[in-house]
Amino acid sequence: MAGIWKQFAQREASPLIQFIKYAICGGGATTVHVIVFFLFSWLIIPALNAEDVFVKLFQISCAPISDTIRARNAMINNAMAFLLSNLTAYLLNILWVFESGRRYPPVDFFLSKLGLIQHATLRACAHRTVEVALFYAVSGIAIVIGTFLMGVLINQWHFTTTVAFGTQCVTAVLINFALRKFMIFKG
């Protein structure tokens, strides 16, 4: 049992513990995403209707809008929430789950051609920049697929915003773990 707790206290962990830690961090990032999405959908760019679970649960009022506008607004709000939740996910992942520092040979090749490969700080900064860019790119793939699905569910099948948003979240989690583990971080 002590070995399991030790794995939670460090980055080195078995694949199962690593996935559990990833899920905990993902839960934190998802919480940020949900809060930002619904606050934007309620207060800034309207994307809720009277039938929505969120509206009924919190007994809030919202103006009636068409499914087309609601779908567009929900997709915009999802993009805004993505930016903040993805930053949260990246920070939590590098602090607790994955080890930052995978080497990117094309970056080293480019730096060597510029005669800058010997500058360790510049090289580390370039690798971190690529890591963050890949992190957002991978998440971008997941969010684009999920957001498209959310728009279709709202506009074509008249799902509530909350159900469509939940479907988008599940889609993103499945894609993100696999791509982050094998493409961005060390193990």
N, C-alpha and C. Protein backbone atom coordinates (compact mmCIF):
# COMPACT_ATOMS: atom_id res chain seq x y z
N MET A 1 0.81 -1.20 0.00
CA MET A 1 0.00 0.00 0.00
C MET A 1 0.86 1.27 0.00
N ALA A 2 1.98 1.21 0.74
CA ALA A 2 2.88 2.37 0.80
C ALA A 2 3.47 2.66 -0.57
N GLY A 3 3.70 1.60 -1.35
CA GLY A 3 4.23 1.77 -2.70
C GLY A 3 3.27 2.51 -3.61
N ILE A 4 2.00 2.26 -3.44
CA ILE A 4 0.98 2.94 -4.26
C ILE A 4 0.96 4.43 -3.91
N TRP A 5 0.95 4.75 -2.61
CA TRP A 5 0.93 6.15 -2.20
C TRP A 5 2.19 6.87 -2.65
N LYS A 6 3.32 6.16 -2.64
CA LYS A 6 4.58 6.76 -3.09
C LYS A 6 4.48 7.14 -4.57
N GLN A 7 3.81 6.30 -5.35
CA GLN A 7 3.63 6.59 -6.78
C GLN A 7 2.78 7.84 -6.99
N PHE A 8 1.86 8.10 -6.08
CA PHE A 8 1.03 9.31 -6.20
C PHE A 8 1.83 10.57 -5.84
N ALA A 9 2.90 10.40 -5.07
CA ALA A 9 3.69 11.54 -4.63
C ALA A 9 4.81 11.91 -5.61
N GLN A 10 5.02 11.11 -6.62
CA GLN A 10 6.09 11.38 -7.58
C GLN A 10 5.59 11.15 -9.00
N ARG A 11 6.38 11.53 -9.97
CA ARG A 11 5.98 11.33 -11.37
C ARG A 11 6.10 9.88 -11.80
N GLU A 12 7.14 9.18 -11.31
CA GLU A 12 7.33 7.79 -11.67
C GLU A 12 6.19 6.96 -11.08
N ALA A 13 5.45 6.30 -11.96
CA ALA A 13 4.31 5.52 -11.49
C ALA A 13 3.99 4.44 -12.51
N SER A 14 3.31 3.42 -12.06
CA SER A 14 2.85 2.38 -12.98
C SER A 14 1.83 3.00 -13.94
N PRO A 15 1.60 2.37 -15.08
CA PRO A 15 0.63 2.94 -16.02
C PRO A 15 -0.77 3.16 -15.40
N LEU A 16 -1.22 2.26 -14.54
CA LEU A 16 -2.53 2.43 -13.92
C LEU A 16 -2.56 3.66 -13.00
N ILE A 17 -1.56 3.79 -12.15
CA ILE A 17 -1.50 4.94 -11.24
C ILE A 17 -1.34 6.22 -12.06
N GLN A 18 -0.53 6.16 -13.12
CA GLN A 18 -0.34 7.33 -13.96
C GLN A 18 -1.67 7.75 -14.59
N PHE A 19 -2.46 6.78 -15.03
CA PHE A 19 -3.76 7.11 -15.61
C PHE A 19 -4.68 7.71 -14.56
N ILE A 20 -4.65 7.18 -13.34
CA ILE A 20 -5.49 7.72 -12.27
C ILE A 20 -5.09 9.17 -11.97
N LYS A 21 -3.78 9.43 -11.89
CA LYS A 21 -3.30 10.79 -11.66
C LYS A 21 -3.71 11.70 -12.82
N TYR A 22 -3.59 11.18 -14.03
CA TYR A 22 -4.02 11.94 -15.21
C TYR A 22 -5.51 12.27 -15.11
N ALA A 23 -6.30 11.28 -14.68
CA ALA A 23 -7.75 11.50 -14.55
C ALA A 23 -8.05 12.56 -13.48
N ILE A 24 -7.31 12.55 -12.38
CA ILE A 24 -7.52 13.56 -11.34
C ILE A 24 -7.20 14.96 -11.89
N CYS A 25 -6.06 15.08 -12.57
CA CYS A 25 -5.71 16.37 -13.19
C CYS A 25 -6.74 16.76 -14.25
N GLY A 26 -7.16 15.78 -15.01
CA GLY A 26 -8.19 16.03 -16.02
C GLY A 26 -9.49 16.48 -15.39
N GLY A 27 -9.80 15.93 -14.22
CA GLY A 27 -10.99 16.37 -13.50
C GLY A 27 -10.89 17.83 -13.10
N GLY A 28 -9.70 18.25 -12.66
CA GLY A 28 -9.49 19.66 -12.33
C GLY A 28 -9.63 20.56 -13.55
N ALA A 29 -9.00 20.15 -14.65
CA ALA A 29 -9.09 20.93 -15.89
C ALA A 29 -10.52 20.94 -16.42
N THR A 30 -11.21 19.81 -16.31
CA THR A 30 -12.60 19.73 -16.77
C THR A 30 -13.48 20.64 -15.93
N THR A 31 -13.21 20.70 -14.63
CA THR A 31 -13.97 21.60 -13.75
C THR A 31 -13.81 23.05 -14.22
N VAL A 32 -12.58 23.43 -14.53
CA VAL A 32 -12.34 24.78 -15.06
C VAL A 32 -13.12 24.97 -16.36
N HIS A 33 -13.07 23.98 -17.24
CA HIS A 33 -13.76 24.06 -18.53
C HIS A 33 -15.27 24.23 -18.34
N VAL A 34 -15.84 23.41 -17.48
CA VAL A 34 -17.28 23.46 -17.24
C VAL A 34 -17.70 24.81 -16.66
N ILE A 35 -16.97 25.27 -15.67
CA ILE A 35 -17.32 26.55 -15.04
C ILE A 35 -17.24 27.69 -16.06
N VAL A 36 -16.15 27.75 -16.80
CA VAL A 36 -15.99 28.83 -17.80
C VAL A 36 -17.07 28.70 -18.87
N PHE A 37 -17.30 27.49 -19.37
CA PHE A 37 -18.29 27.29 -20.42
C PHE A 37 -19.68 27.76 -19.98
N PHE A 38 -20.11 27.32 -18.82
CA PHE A 38 -21.46 27.67 -18.39
C PHE A 38 -21.59 29.13 -17.96
N LEU A 39 -20.55 29.70 -17.37
CA LEU A 39 -20.61 31.13 -17.06
C LEU A 39 -20.70 31.95 -18.35
N PHE A 40 -19.90 31.60 -19.34
CA PHE A 40 -19.99 32.30 -20.63
C PHE A 40 -21.36 32.07 -21.27
N SER A 41 -21.85 30.82 -21.23
CA SER A 41 -23.14 30.49 -21.86
C SER A 41 -24.31 31.18 -21.18
N TRP A 42 -24.16 31.47 -19.91
CA TRP A 42 -25.22 32.12 -19.16
C TRP A 42 -25.08 33.65 -19.19
N LEU A 43 -23.87 34.16 -18.98
CA LEU A 43 -23.70 35.58 -18.74
C LEU A 43 -23.12 36.39 -19.92
N ILE A 44 -22.36 35.77 -20.80
CA ILE A 44 -21.64 36.55 -21.80
C ILE A 44 -22.14 36.29 -23.22
N ILE A 45 -22.08 35.05 -23.67
CA ILE A 45 -22.55 34.70 -25.02
C ILE A 45 -23.64 33.64 -24.85
N PRO A 46 -24.91 34.04 -24.83
CA PRO A 46 -26.02 33.12 -24.50
C PRO A 46 -26.03 31.85 -25.35
N ALA A 47 -26.08 30.71 -24.62
CA ALA A 47 -26.12 29.42 -25.32
C ALA A 47 -26.99 28.42 -24.57
N LEU A 48 -27.89 28.91 -23.76
CA LEU A 48 -28.76 28.03 -22.98
C LEU A 48 -30.21 28.29 -23.34
N ASN A 49 -31.03 27.27 -23.12
CA ASN A 49 -32.47 27.47 -23.29
C ASN A 49 -33.19 26.97 -22.04
N ALA A 50 -34.48 27.23 -21.97
CA ALA A 50 -35.26 26.94 -20.76
C ALA A 50 -35.28 25.45 -20.41
N GLU A 51 -35.10 24.57 -21.40
CA GLU A 51 -35.13 23.12 -21.15
C GLU A 51 -33.81 22.59 -20.63
N ASP A 52 -32.78 23.39 -20.64
CA ASP A 52 -31.45 22.93 -20.28
C ASP A 52 -31.37 22.55 -18.81
N VAL A 53 -30.67 21.46 -18.51
CA VAL A 53 -30.50 20.97 -17.14
C VAL A 53 -29.85 22.03 -16.26
N PHE A 54 -28.84 22.71 -16.76
CA PHE A 54 -28.15 23.75 -16.01
C PHE A 54 -29.11 24.86 -15.60
N VAL A 55 -29.97 25.26 -16.50
CA VAL A 55 -30.95 26.32 -16.24
C VAL A 55 -31.93 25.87 -15.16
N LYS A 56 -32.42 24.65 -15.28
CA LYS A 56 -33.38 24.13 -14.30
C LYS A 56 -32.72 23.90 -12.94
N LEU A 57 -31.52 23.35 -12.94
CA LEU A 57 -30.82 23.04 -11.70
C LEU A 57 -30.55 24.29 -10.87
N PHE A 58 -30.10 25.35 -11.53
CA PHE A 58 -29.76 26.57 -10.82
C PHE A 58 -30.86 27.63 -10.87
N GLN A 59 -32.00 27.25 -11.46
CA GLN A 59 -33.17 28.12 -11.53
C GLN A 59 -32.81 29.51 -12.03
N ILE A 60 -32.15 29.54 -13.17
CA ILE A 60 -31.78 30.82 -13.78
C ILE A 60 -32.67 31.09 -14.97
N SER A 61 -32.73 32.33 -15.37
CA SER A 61 -33.55 32.68 -16.53
C SER A 61 -32.64 32.90 -17.73
N CYS A 62 -33.19 32.62 -18.89
CA CYS A 62 -32.44 32.87 -20.12
C CYS A 62 -33.44 33.22 -21.22
N ALA A 63 -32.99 34.08 -22.10
CA ALA A 63 -33.84 34.50 -23.22
C ALA A 63 -33.90 33.38 -24.25
N PRO A 64 -35.05 33.24 -24.90
CA PRO A 64 -35.16 32.21 -25.93
C PRO A 64 -34.28 32.56 -27.14
N ILE A 65 -33.55 31.56 -27.64
CA ILE A 65 -32.75 31.72 -28.86
C ILE A 65 -32.91 30.48 -29.72
N SER A 66 -32.69 30.64 -31.00
CA SER A 66 -32.85 29.51 -31.92
C SER A 66 -31.74 28.49 -31.71
N ASP A 67 -31.99 27.26 -32.15
CA ASP A 67 -30.98 26.21 -32.04
C ASP A 67 -29.71 26.56 -32.82
N THR A 68 -29.86 27.23 -33.95
CA THR A 68 -28.71 27.61 -34.76
C THR A 68 -27.81 28.58 -34.01
N ILE A 69 -28.39 29.60 -33.41
CA ILE A 69 -27.60 30.58 -32.65
C ILE A 69 -27.04 29.93 -31.39
N ARG A 70 -27.85 29.10 -30.75
CA ARG A 70 -27.40 28.41 -29.53
C ARG A 70 -26.21 27.50 -29.84
N ALA A 71 -26.27 26.79 -30.96
CA ALA A 71 -25.17 25.91 -31.35
C ALA A 71 -23.90 26.72 -31.62
N ARG A 72 -24.03 27.82 -32.37
CA ARG A 72 -22.87 28.67 -32.66
C ARG A 72 -22.28 29.23 -31.38
N ASN A 73 -23.12 29.77 -30.51
CA ASN A 73 -22.65 30.36 -29.27
C ASN A 73 -22.00 29.32 -28.35
N ALA A 74 -22.58 28.13 -28.31
CA ALA A 74 -22.00 27.07 -27.49
C ALA A 74 -20.61 26.69 -28.00
N MET A 75 -20.43 26.68 -29.30
CA MET A 75 -19.12 26.35 -29.87
C MET A 75 -18.11 27.46 -29.56
N ILE A 76 -18.52 28.70 -29.61
CA ILE A 76 -17.63 29.82 -29.25
C ILE A 76 -17.25 29.73 -27.77
N ASN A 77 -18.23 29.51 -26.92
CA ASN A 77 -17.97 29.40 -25.48
C ASN A 77 -17.05 28.22 -25.18
N ASN A 78 -17.22 27.14 -25.92
CA ASN A 78 -16.37 25.98 -25.72
C ASN A 78 -14.92 26.29 -26.08
N ALA A 79 -14.73 27.07 -27.12
CA ALA A 79 -13.36 27.46 -27.50
C ALA A 79 -12.73 28.34 -26.43
N MET A 80 -13.48 29.25 -25.86
CA MET A 80 -12.96 30.11 -24.79
C MET A 80 -12.61 29.27 -23.55
N ALA A 81 -13.48 28.37 -23.19
CA ALA A 81 -13.24 27.50 -22.04
C ALA A 81 -12.03 26.59 -22.29
N PHE A 82 -11.86 26.17 -23.52
CA PHE A 82 -10.73 25.32 -23.90
C PHE A 82 -9.40 25.99 -23.59
N LEU A 83 -9.28 27.25 -23.93
CA LEU A 83 -8.01 27.95 -23.72
C LEU A 83 -7.59 27.93 -22.25
N LEU A 84 -8.53 28.21 -21.37
CA LEU A 84 -8.21 28.24 -19.94
C LEU A 84 -8.05 26.85 -19.34
N SER A 85 -8.91 25.93 -19.71
CA SER A 85 -8.81 24.59 -19.13
C SER A 85 -7.58 23.85 -19.65
N ASN A 86 -7.19 24.12 -20.87
CA ASN A 86 -6.01 23.45 -21.42
C ASN A 86 -4.74 23.94 -20.73
N LEU A 87 -4.67 25.22 -20.40
CA LEU A 87 -3.54 25.73 -19.65
C LEU A 87 -3.49 25.05 -18.28
N THR A 88 -4.64 24.91 -17.64
CA THR A 88 -4.72 24.22 -16.36
C THR A 88 -4.23 22.78 -16.49
N ALA A 89 -4.69 22.09 -17.53
CA ALA A 89 -4.29 20.70 -17.76
C ALA A 89 -2.79 20.59 -17.97
N TYR A 90 -2.22 21.46 -18.77
CA TYR A 90 -0.78 21.40 -19.03
C TYR A 90 0.01 21.57 -17.74
N LEU A 91 -0.32 22.58 -16.97
CA LEU A 91 0.41 22.83 -15.73
C LEU A 91 0.30 21.67 -14.75
N LEU A 92 -0.90 21.14 -14.57
CA LEU A 92 -1.08 20.00 -13.67
C LEU A 92 -0.34 18.76 -14.17
N ASN A 93 -0.38 18.52 -15.47
CA ASN A 93 0.29 17.35 -16.03
C ASN A 93 1.80 17.41 -15.88
N ILE A 94 2.41 18.56 -16.13
CA ILE A 94 3.87 18.61 -16.00
C ILE A 94 4.32 18.65 -14.54
N LEU A 95 3.45 19.09 -13.64
CA LEU A 95 3.81 19.13 -12.23
C LEU A 95 3.65 17.78 -11.54
N TRP A 96 2.73 16.92 -12.04
CA TRP A 96 2.40 15.73 -11.27
C TRP A 96 2.38 14.42 -12.06
N VAL A 97 2.03 14.45 -13.33
CA VAL A 97 1.79 13.20 -14.05
C VAL A 97 2.93 12.80 -14.97
N PHE A 98 3.24 13.65 -15.92
CA PHE A 98 4.23 13.32 -16.94
C PHE A 98 5.51 14.10 -16.70
N GLU A 99 6.60 13.57 -17.22
CA GLU A 99 7.86 14.27 -17.13
C GLU A 99 8.04 15.12 -18.38
N SER A 100 8.23 16.38 -18.17
CA SER A 100 8.51 17.28 -19.27
C SER A 100 9.92 17.02 -19.76
N GLY A 101 10.20 17.36 -20.98
CA GLY A 101 11.57 17.26 -21.45
C GLY A 101 11.83 16.28 -22.56
N ARG A 102 10.81 15.77 -23.21
CA ARG A 102 11.06 14.92 -24.38
C ARG A 102 11.87 15.73 -25.37
N ARG A 103 12.81 15.11 -26.01
CA ARG A 103 13.65 15.79 -26.99
C ARG A 103 12.96 15.81 -28.35
N TYR A 104 13.11 16.90 -29.04
CA TYR A 104 12.53 17.05 -30.37
C TYR A 104 13.68 17.29 -31.36
N PRO A 105 14.17 16.21 -32.00
CA PRO A 105 15.32 16.33 -32.91
C PRO A 105 15.19 17.43 -33.97
N PRO A 106 14.02 17.68 -34.55
CA PRO A 106 13.96 18.77 -35.53
C PRO A 106 14.31 20.14 -34.92
N VAL A 107 13.99 20.34 -33.64
CA VAL A 107 14.33 21.60 -32.97
C VAL A 107 15.85 21.70 -32.84
N ASP A 108 16.47 20.60 -32.42
CA ASP A 108 17.93 20.61 -32.29
C ASP A 108 18.60 20.82 -33.65
N PHE A 109 18.06 20.20 -34.68
CA PHE A 109 18.60 20.38 -36.03
C PHE A 109 18.52 21.84 -36.45
N PHE A 110 17.37 22.45 -36.23
CA PHE A 110 17.17 23.87 -36.57
C PHE A 110 18.14 24.75 -35.79
N LEU A 111 18.27 24.49 -34.49
CA LEU A 111 19.18 25.29 -33.66
C LEU A 111 20.64 25.11 -34.09
N SER A 112 21.00 23.89 -34.49
CA SER A 112 22.38 23.65 -34.93
C SER A 112 22.66 24.39 -36.24
N LYS A 113 21.69 24.46 -37.11
CA LYS A 113 21.85 25.19 -38.38
C LYS A 113 22.02 26.69 -38.13
N LEU A 114 21.43 27.18 -37.05
CA LEU A 114 21.57 28.59 -36.69
C LEU A 114 22.80 28.84 -35.82
N GLY A 115 23.50 27.76 -35.48
CA GLY A 115 24.67 27.90 -34.62
C GLY A 115 24.33 28.17 -33.17
N LEU A 116 23.12 27.78 -32.75
CA LEU A 116 22.66 28.08 -31.39
C LEU A 116 22.51 26.85 -30.51
N ILE A 117 22.89 25.67 -31.02
CA ILE A 117 22.65 24.43 -30.29
C ILE A 117 23.40 24.38 -28.95
N GLN A 118 24.52 25.08 -28.83
CA GLN A 118 25.30 25.04 -27.60
C GLN A 118 24.67 25.84 -26.46
N HIS A 119 23.69 26.66 -26.73
CA HIS A 119 23.03 27.47 -25.70
C HIS A 119 21.94 26.62 -25.02
N ALA A 120 22.28 26.08 -23.85
CA ALA A 120 21.38 25.15 -23.16
C ALA A 120 20.05 25.79 -22.80
N THR A 121 20.06 27.03 -22.34
CA THR A 121 18.83 27.70 -21.95
C THR A 121 17.93 27.92 -23.16
N LEU A 122 18.50 28.34 -24.26
CA LEU A 122 17.73 28.54 -25.49
C LEU A 122 17.17 27.22 -25.99
N ARG A 123 17.98 26.17 -25.93
CA ARG A 123 17.54 24.84 -26.38
C ARG A 123 16.38 24.36 -25.50
N ALA A 124 16.51 24.52 -24.18
CA ALA A 124 15.43 24.10 -23.27
C ALA A 124 14.16 24.90 -23.52
N CYS A 125 14.30 26.20 -23.76
CA CYS A 125 13.16 27.06 -24.04
C CYS A 125 12.48 26.65 -25.35
N ALA A 126 13.28 26.33 -26.36
CA ALA A 126 12.73 25.90 -27.65
C ALA A 126 11.98 24.57 -27.51
N HIS A 127 12.56 23.65 -26.74
CA HIS A 127 11.88 22.36 -26.53
C HIS A 127 10.57 22.54 -25.75
N ARG A 128 10.58 23.42 -24.73
CA ARG A 128 9.36 23.66 -23.95
C ARG A 128 8.29 24.30 -24.83
N THR A 129 8.70 25.21 -25.70
CA THR A 129 7.75 25.87 -26.61
C THR A 129 7.11 24.84 -27.53
N VAL A 130 7.91 23.93 -28.05
CA VAL A 130 7.37 22.87 -28.91
C VAL A 130 6.43 21.97 -28.11
N GLU A 131 6.82 21.65 -26.87
CA GLU A 131 5.98 20.81 -26.02
C GLU A 131 4.61 21.45 -25.78
N VAL A 132 4.60 22.72 -25.44
CA VAL A 132 3.34 23.44 -25.20
C VAL A 132 2.52 23.50 -26.49
N ALA A 133 3.19 23.79 -27.60
CA ALA A 133 2.48 23.85 -28.89
C ALA A 133 1.86 22.50 -29.24
N LEU A 134 2.60 21.42 -29.02
CA LEU A 134 2.04 20.08 -29.28
C LEU A 134 0.90 19.77 -28.32
N PHE A 135 1.04 20.18 -27.06
CA PHE A 135 -0.02 19.95 -26.08
C PHE A 135 -1.32 20.61 -26.55
N TYR A 136 -1.22 21.87 -26.98
CA TYR A 136 -2.40 22.58 -27.47
C TYR A 136 -2.89 22.00 -28.79
N ALA A 137 -1.98 21.54 -29.65
CA ALA A 137 -2.38 20.95 -30.93
C ALA A 137 -3.16 19.66 -30.71
N VAL A 138 -2.65 18.81 -29.82
CA VAL A 138 -3.35 17.56 -29.51
C VAL A 138 -4.72 17.86 -28.93
N SER A 139 -4.75 18.77 -27.97
CA SER A 139 -6.03 19.16 -27.37
C SER A 139 -6.93 19.82 -28.40
N GLY A 140 -6.32 20.56 -29.31
CA GLY A 140 -7.08 21.20 -30.39
C GLY A 140 -7.79 20.19 -31.26
N ILE A 141 -7.10 19.09 -31.57
CA ILE A 141 -7.72 18.01 -32.35
C ILE A 141 -8.95 17.49 -31.62
N ALA A 142 -8.77 17.21 -30.33
CA ALA A 142 -9.87 16.67 -29.53
C ALA A 142 -11.01 17.67 -29.41
N ILE A 143 -10.69 18.94 -29.20
CA ILE A 143 -11.74 19.94 -29.01
C ILE A 143 -12.48 20.23 -30.31
N VAL A 144 -11.78 20.20 -31.44
CA VAL A 144 -12.44 20.43 -32.73
C VAL A 144 -13.44 19.30 -33.01
N ILE A 145 -13.00 18.05 -32.79
CA ILE A 145 -13.91 16.92 -33.01
C ILE A 145 -15.10 17.00 -32.06
N GLY A 146 -14.82 17.25 -30.77
CA GLY A 146 -15.89 17.33 -29.78
C GLY A 146 -16.82 18.51 -30.00
N THR A 147 -16.26 19.66 -30.38
CA THR A 147 -17.08 20.85 -30.60
C THR A 147 -17.96 20.68 -31.83
N PHE A 148 -17.44 20.08 -32.88
CA PHE A 148 -18.25 19.78 -34.06
C PHE A 148 -19.40 18.86 -33.68
N LEU A 149 -19.09 17.82 -32.91
CA LEU A 149 -20.13 16.89 -32.45
C LEU A 149 -21.17 17.63 -31.61
N MET A 150 -20.72 18.53 -30.73
CA MET A 150 -21.64 19.31 -29.90
C MET A 150 -22.57 20.16 -30.77
N GLY A 151 -22.01 20.82 -31.78
CA GLY A 151 -22.83 21.64 -32.68
C GLY A 151 -23.88 20.83 -33.41
N VAL A 152 -23.48 19.65 -33.87
CA VAL A 152 -24.43 18.77 -34.57
C VAL A 152 -25.53 18.30 -33.62
N LEU A 153 -25.14 17.90 -32.42
CA LEU A 153 -26.13 17.42 -31.45
C LEU A 153 -27.16 18.50 -31.11
N ILE A 154 -26.71 19.75 -31.01
CA ILE A 154 -27.64 20.84 -30.69
C ILE A 154 -28.46 21.24 -31.91
N ASN A 155 -27.79 21.50 -33.02
CA ASN A 155 -28.46 22.07 -34.20
C ASN A 155 -29.30 21.04 -34.97
N GLN A 156 -28.79 19.84 -35.11
CA GLN A 156 -29.49 18.84 -35.92
C GLN A 156 -30.43 17.95 -35.10
N TRP A 157 -30.01 17.59 -33.91
CA TRP A 157 -30.80 16.64 -33.11
C TRP A 157 -31.46 17.29 -31.90
N HIS A 158 -31.27 18.61 -31.72
CA HIS A 158 -31.95 19.40 -30.70
C HIS A 158 -31.67 18.93 -29.27
N PHE A 159 -30.46 18.42 -29.04
CA PHE A 159 -30.06 18.05 -27.68
C PHE A 159 -29.94 19.32 -26.84
N THR A 160 -30.05 19.18 -25.52
CA THR A 160 -29.80 20.33 -24.67
C THR A 160 -28.30 20.64 -24.70
N THR A 161 -27.96 21.86 -24.37
CA THR A 161 -26.56 22.28 -24.37
C THR A 161 -25.75 21.43 -23.40
N THR A 162 -26.29 21.13 -22.25
CA THR A 162 -25.58 20.36 -21.23
C THR A 162 -25.25 18.95 -21.71
N VAL A 163 -26.18 18.26 -22.32
CA VAL A 163 -25.93 16.90 -22.82
C VAL A 163 -24.90 16.92 -23.96
N ALA A 164 -25.04 17.87 -24.87
CA ALA A 164 -24.09 17.98 -25.98
C ALA A 164 -22.69 18.32 -25.45
N PHE A 165 -22.62 19.19 -24.45
CA PHE A 165 -21.35 19.55 -23.86
C PHE A 165 -20.71 18.35 -23.16
N GLY A 166 -21.50 17.56 -22.46
CA GLY A 166 -20.99 16.35 -21.80
C GLY A 166 -20.42 15.36 -22.80
N THR A 167 -21.08 15.21 -23.94
CA THR A 167 -20.58 14.33 -25.00
C THR A 167 -19.24 14.83 -25.52
N GLN A 168 -19.12 16.13 -25.68
CA GLN A 168 -17.86 16.74 -26.12
C GLN A 168 -16.75 16.46 -25.12
N CYS A 169 -17.04 16.55 -23.83
CA CYS A 169 -16.03 16.31 -22.79
C CYS A 169 -15.51 14.88 -22.81
N VAL A 170 -16.39 13.92 -22.92
CA VAL A 170 -15.99 12.51 -22.96
C VAL A 170 -15.11 12.24 -24.18
N THR A 171 -15.49 12.76 -25.32
CA THR A 171 -14.70 12.60 -26.54
C THR A 171 -13.30 13.16 -26.35
N ALA A 172 -13.19 14.33 -25.78
CA ALA A 172 -11.89 14.98 -25.59
C ALA A 172 -10.99 14.20 -24.65
N VAL A 173 -11.53 13.67 -23.56
CA VAL A 173 -10.72 12.93 -22.59
C VAL A 173 -10.07 11.71 -23.24
N LEU A 174 -10.84 10.97 -24.00
CA LEU A 174 -10.32 9.75 -24.61
C LEU A 174 -9.21 10.05 -25.62
N ILE A 175 -9.40 11.05 -26.43
CA ILE A 175 -8.38 11.41 -27.42
C ILE A 175 -7.14 11.99 -26.74
N ASN A 176 -7.33 12.87 -25.78
CA ASN A 176 -6.20 13.57 -25.14
C ASN A 176 -5.24 12.64 -24.42
N PHE A 177 -5.74 11.69 -23.64
CA PHE A 177 -4.82 10.84 -22.87
C PHE A 177 -3.89 10.09 -23.81
N ALA A 178 -4.44 9.45 -24.80
CA ALA A 178 -3.61 8.65 -25.70
C ALA A 178 -2.58 9.51 -26.43
N LEU A 179 -2.98 10.62 -26.97
CA LEU A 179 -2.06 11.45 -27.73
C LEU A 179 -1.01 12.13 -26.84
N ARG A 180 -1.40 12.57 -25.66
CA ARG A 180 -0.44 13.21 -24.77
C ARG A 180 0.59 12.22 -24.27
N LYS A 181 0.14 11.04 -23.90
CA LYS A 181 1.05 10.04 -23.35
C LYS A 181 2.08 9.61 -24.39
N PHE A 182 1.67 9.41 -25.61
CA PHE A 182 2.57 8.83 -26.59
C PHE A 182 3.22 9.83 -27.54
N MET A 183 2.73 11.07 -27.60
CA MET A 183 3.29 12.02 -28.53
C MET A 183 4.02 13.17 -27.87
N ILE A 184 3.67 13.53 -26.64
CA ILE A 184 4.20 14.76 -26.07
C ILE A 184 5.18 14.51 -24.94
N PHE A 185 4.76 13.74 -23.94
CA PHE A 185 5.56 13.60 -22.75
C PHE A 185 6.36 12.30 -22.76
N LYS A 186 7.30 12.21 -21.85
CA LYS A 186 8.06 10.98 -21.66
C LYS A 186 7.19 10.03 -20.86
N GLY A 187 6.64 9.01 -21.50
CA GLY A 187 5.87 7.98 -20.82
C GLY A 187 4.73 8.51 -20.07
